[in-house]
Amino acid sequence: QVQLVESGGDLVQPGGSLRLSCAASGIIFSRYAMGWYRQAPGKQRELVATITSRGATNYADSVKGRFTISRDNAKNTAYLQMNSLKLEDTAVYYCNAISALYGYWGQGTQVTVSS
């Protein structure tokens, strides 16, 4: 059974930092590209960042220079380090694992940026 379990979401003030984690099980983690997406209330789910199986990264323009995606294949875990958080970063953040044949989603973790 494939599971992606996100953690690390929290309430944080503007300018603060959070690190999200996505622990994967049931897949050969090193063979999957990993991604973080987010969905704010009333909006569509959007791409935040991706990292390929080889470590190449890609970011949405809105988070470039503030967020960093990484992975630890030994721990079957992907991370999203979020710095300089803004009010508009408030959303449910979802982890995604994708290969040539399969794709999986986690259940999401809430990030709220508020003063």
C-alpha atoms as a PDB file:
ATOM      1  CA  GLN A   1       0.000   0.000   0.000  1.00  0.00           C
ATOM      2  CA  VAL A   2       1.380   3.355  -1.033  1.00  0.00           C
ATOM      3  CA  GLN A   3       1.343   6.133   1.537  1.00  0.00           C
ATOM      4  CA  LEU A   4       2.551   9.701   1.429  1.00  0.00           C
ATOM      5  CA  VAL A   5       2.321  11.357   4.823  1.00  0.00           C
ATOM      6  CA  GLU A   6       2.897  15.086   5.086  1.00  0.00           C
ATOM      7  CA  SER A   7       3.800  16.814   8.317  1.00  0.00           C
ATOM      8  CA  GLY A   8       5.139  20.115   9.540  1.00  0.00           C
ATOM      9  CA  GLY A   9       2.238  22.404   8.773  1.00  0.00           C
ATOM     10  CA  ASP A  10       1.501  25.024  11.394  1.00  0.00           C
ATOM     11  CA  LEU A  11       0.401  28.563  12.160  1.00  0.00           C
ATOM     12  CA  VAL A  12       3.276  30.994  11.593  1.00  0.00           C
ATOM     13  CA  GLN A  13       3.684  34.760  11.453  1.00  0.00           C
ATOM     14  CA  PRO A  14       4.613  36.567   8.241  1.00  0.00           C
ATOM     15  CA  GLY A  15       8.345  36.373   7.700  1.00  0.00           C
ATOM     16  CA  GLY A  16       8.588  33.098   9.559  1.00  0.00           C
ATOM     17  CA  SER A  17       9.783  29.690   8.417  1.00  0.00           C
ATOM     18  CA  LEU A  18       8.468  26.151   8.307  1.00  0.00           C
ATOM     19  CA  ARG A  19       9.798  22.856   7.022  1.00  0.00           C
ATOM     20  CA  LEU A  20       7.340  20.385   5.588  1.00  0.00           C
ATOM     21  CA  SER A  21       8.134  16.698   5.331  1.00  0.00           C
ATOM     22  CA  CYS A  22       6.635  14.002   3.129  1.00  0.00           C
ATOM     23  CA  ALA A  23       7.368  10.456   4.228  1.00  0.00           C
ATOM     24  CA  ALA A  24       6.754   7.855   1.540  1.00  0.00           C
ATOM     25  CA  SER A  25       6.169   4.147   1.884  1.00  0.00           C
ATOM     26  CA  GLY A  26       5.147   1.403  -0.510  1.00  0.00           C
ATOM     27  CA  ILE A  27       7.135   2.821  -3.439  1.00  0.00           C
ATOM     28  CA  ILE A  28      10.723   2.706  -4.597  1.00  0.00           C
ATOM     29  CA  PHE A  29      11.203   6.290  -3.549  1.00  0.00           C
ATOM     30  CA  SER A  30      14.403   6.924  -5.479  1.00  0.00           C
ATOM     31  CA  ARG A  31      12.621   6.231  -8.757  1.00  0.00           C
ATOM     32  CA  TYR A  32       9.953   8.878  -8.245  1.00  0.00           C
ATOM     33  CA  ALA A  33       9.945  12.573  -8.884  1.00  0.00           C
ATOM     34  CA  MET A  34       8.495  14.395  -5.902  1.00  0.00           C
ATOM     35  CA  GLY A  35       6.468  17.546  -5.820  1.00  0.00           C
ATOM     36  CA  TRP A  36       4.767  19.936  -3.467  1.00  0.00           C
ATOM     37  CA  TYR A  37       1.483  21.530  -4.435  1.00  0.00           C
ATOM     38  CA  ARG A  38      -0.841  23.805  -2.511  1.00  0.00           C
ATOM     39  CA  GLN A  39      -4.477  24.744  -2.521  1.00  0.00           C
ATOM     40  CA  ALA A  40      -5.846  27.856  -0.915  1.00  0.00           C
ATOM     41  CA  PRO A  41      -9.554  28.238  -0.101  1.00  0.00           C
ATOM     42  CA  GLY A  42     -11.546  28.923  -3.257  1.00  0.00           C
ATOM     43  CA  LYS A  43      -8.557  28.400  -5.527  1.00  0.00           C
ATOM     44  CA  GLN A  44      -7.249  25.601  -7.683  1.00  0.00           C
ATOM     45  CA  ARG A  45      -4.380  23.413  -6.603  1.00  0.00           C
ATOM     46  CA  GLU A  46      -1.109  24.833  -7.855  1.00  0.00           C
ATOM     47  CA  LEU A  47       2.436  23.647  -8.253  1.00  0.00           C
ATOM     48  CA  VAL A  48       4.898  24.882  -5.656  1.00  0.00           C
ATOM     49  CA  ALA A  49       8.065  22.920  -6.377  1.00  0.00           C
ATOM     50  CA  THR A  50       9.295  19.664  -7.847  1.00  0.00           C
ATOM     51  CA  ILE A  51      12.437  17.592  -7.624  1.00  0.00           C
ATOM     52  CA  THR A  52      13.342  14.823 -10.031  1.00  0.00           C
ATOM     53  CA  SER A  53      14.769  11.468  -9.062  1.00  0.00           C
ATOM     54  CA  ARG A  54      18.177  12.898  -9.941  1.00  0.00           C
ATOM     55  CA  GLY A  55      17.694  16.019  -7.851  1.00  0.00           C
ATOM     56  CA  ALA A  56      16.850  18.631 -10.465  1.00  0.00           C
ATOM     57  CA  THR A  57      14.489  21.213  -9.010  1.00  0.00           C
ATOM     58  CA  ASN A  58      11.807  23.519 -10.320  1.00  0.00           C
ATOM     59  CA  TYR A  59       9.853  26.246  -8.522  1.00  0.00           C
ATOM     60  CA  ALA A  60       6.801  28.367  -9.033  1.00  0.00           C
ATOM     61  CA  ASP A  61       7.756  31.985  -9.582  1.00  0.00           C
ATOM     62  CA  SER A  62       5.864  32.986  -6.444  1.00  0.00           C
ATOM     63  CA  VAL A  63       8.175  30.963  -4.186  1.00  0.00           C
ATOM     64  CA  LYS A  64      11.530  31.228  -5.952  1.00  0.00           C
ATOM     65  CA  GLY A  65      14.233  32.366  -3.575  1.00  0.00           C
ATOM     66  CA  ARG A  66      12.087  31.625  -0.520  1.00  0.00           C
ATOM     67  CA  PHE A  67      11.307  27.904  -0.704  1.00  0.00           C
ATOM     68  CA  THR A  68      13.685  24.977  -1.167  1.00  0.00           C
ATOM     69  CA  ILE A  69      12.675  21.452  -2.079  1.00  0.00           C
ATOM     70  CA  SER A  70      14.954  18.554  -1.230  1.00  0.00           C
ATOM     71  CA  ARG A  71      14.876  14.811  -0.799  1.00  0.00           C
ATOM     72  CA  ASP A  72      16.612  12.160   1.253  1.00  0.00           C
ATOM     73  CA  ASN A  73      16.370   8.864  -0.586  1.00  0.00           C
ATOM     74  CA  ALA A  74      17.807   6.969   2.394  1.00  0.00           C
ATOM     75  CA  LYS A  75      14.870   8.162   4.493  1.00  0.00           C
ATOM     76  CA  ASN A  76      12.234   7.981   1.716  1.00  0.00           C
ATOM     77  CA  THR A  77      11.371  11.563   2.545  1.00  0.00           C
ATOM     78  CA  ALA A  78      10.945  14.800   0.641  1.00  0.00           C
ATOM     79  CA  TYR A  79      11.117  18.215   2.256  1.00  0.00           C
ATOM     80  CA  LEU A  80       9.976  21.733   1.589  1.00  0.00           C
ATOM     81  CA  GLN A  81      11.830  24.429   3.470  1.00  0.00           C
ATOM     82  CA  MET A  82       9.750  27.591   3.462  1.00  0.00           C
ATOM     83  CA  ASN A  83      11.316  30.890   4.495  1.00  0.00           C
ATOM     84  CA  SER A  84      10.057  34.461   4.458  1.00  0.00           C
ATOM     85  CA  LEU A  85       6.495  33.233   4.541  1.00  0.00           C
ATOM     86  CA  LYS A  86       3.768  35.555   3.314  1.00  0.00           C
ATOM     87  CA  LEU A  87       0.058  35.751   4.008  1.00  0.00           C
ATOM     88  CA  GLU A  88      -0.600  34.437   0.516  1.00  0.00           C
ATOM     89  CA  ASP A  89       1.311  31.241   1.262  1.00  0.00           C
ATOM     90  CA  THR A  90      -1.606  30.124   3.417  1.00  0.00           C
ATOM     91  CA  ALA A  91      -2.924  26.865   1.972  1.00  0.00           C
ATOM     92  CA  VAL A  92      -3.119  23.139   2.359  1.00  0.00           C
ATOM     93  CA  TYR A  93       0.159  21.726   1.071  1.00  0.00           C
ATOM     94  CA  TYR A  94       0.120  18.371  -0.688  1.00  0.00           C
ATOM     95  CA  CYS A  95       2.939  16.001  -1.491  1.00  0.00           C
ATOM     96  CA  ASN A  96       2.994  14.234  -4.841  1.00  0.00           C
ATOM     97  CA  ALA A  97       5.043  11.280  -6.058  1.00  0.00           C
ATOM     98  CA  ILE A  98       5.106  10.536  -9.759  1.00  0.00           C
ATOM     99  CA  SER A  99       6.815   8.062 -12.042  1.00  0.00           C
ATOM    100  CA  ALA A 100       6.340   7.197 -15.693  1.00  0.00           C
ATOM    101  CA  LEU A 101       3.396   4.978 -14.795  1.00  0.00           C
ATOM    102  CA  TYR A 102       2.004   6.020 -11.433  1.00  0.00           C
ATOM    103  CA  GLY A 103       1.164   9.061  -9.362  1.00  0.00           C
ATOM    104  CA  TYR A 104       0.226   9.395  -5.726  1.00  0.00           C
ATOM    105  CA  TRP A 105      -0.948  12.141  -3.392  1.00  0.00           C
ATOM    106  CA  GLY A 106      -0.725  12.688   0.307  1.00  0.00           C
ATOM    107  CA  GLN A 107      -3.575  13.909   2.485  1.00  0.00           C
ATOM    108  CA  GLY A 108      -2.177  17.415   2.904  1.00  0.00           C
ATOM    109  CA  THR A 109      -0.937  19.567   5.745  1.00  0.00           C
ATOM    110  CA  GLN A 110      -2.265  23.013   6.641  1.00  0.00           C
ATOM    111  CA  VAL A 111       0.025  26.012   6.554  1.00  0.00           C
ATOM    112  CA  THR A 112      -1.453  29.223   7.904  1.00  0.00           C
ATOM    113  CA  VAL A 113       0.455  32.483   7.763  1.00  0.00           C
ATOM    114  CA  SER A 114      -1.155  35.091   9.958  1.00  0.00           C
ATOM    115  CA  SER A 115      -0.231  37.898  12.287  1.00  0.00           C
END
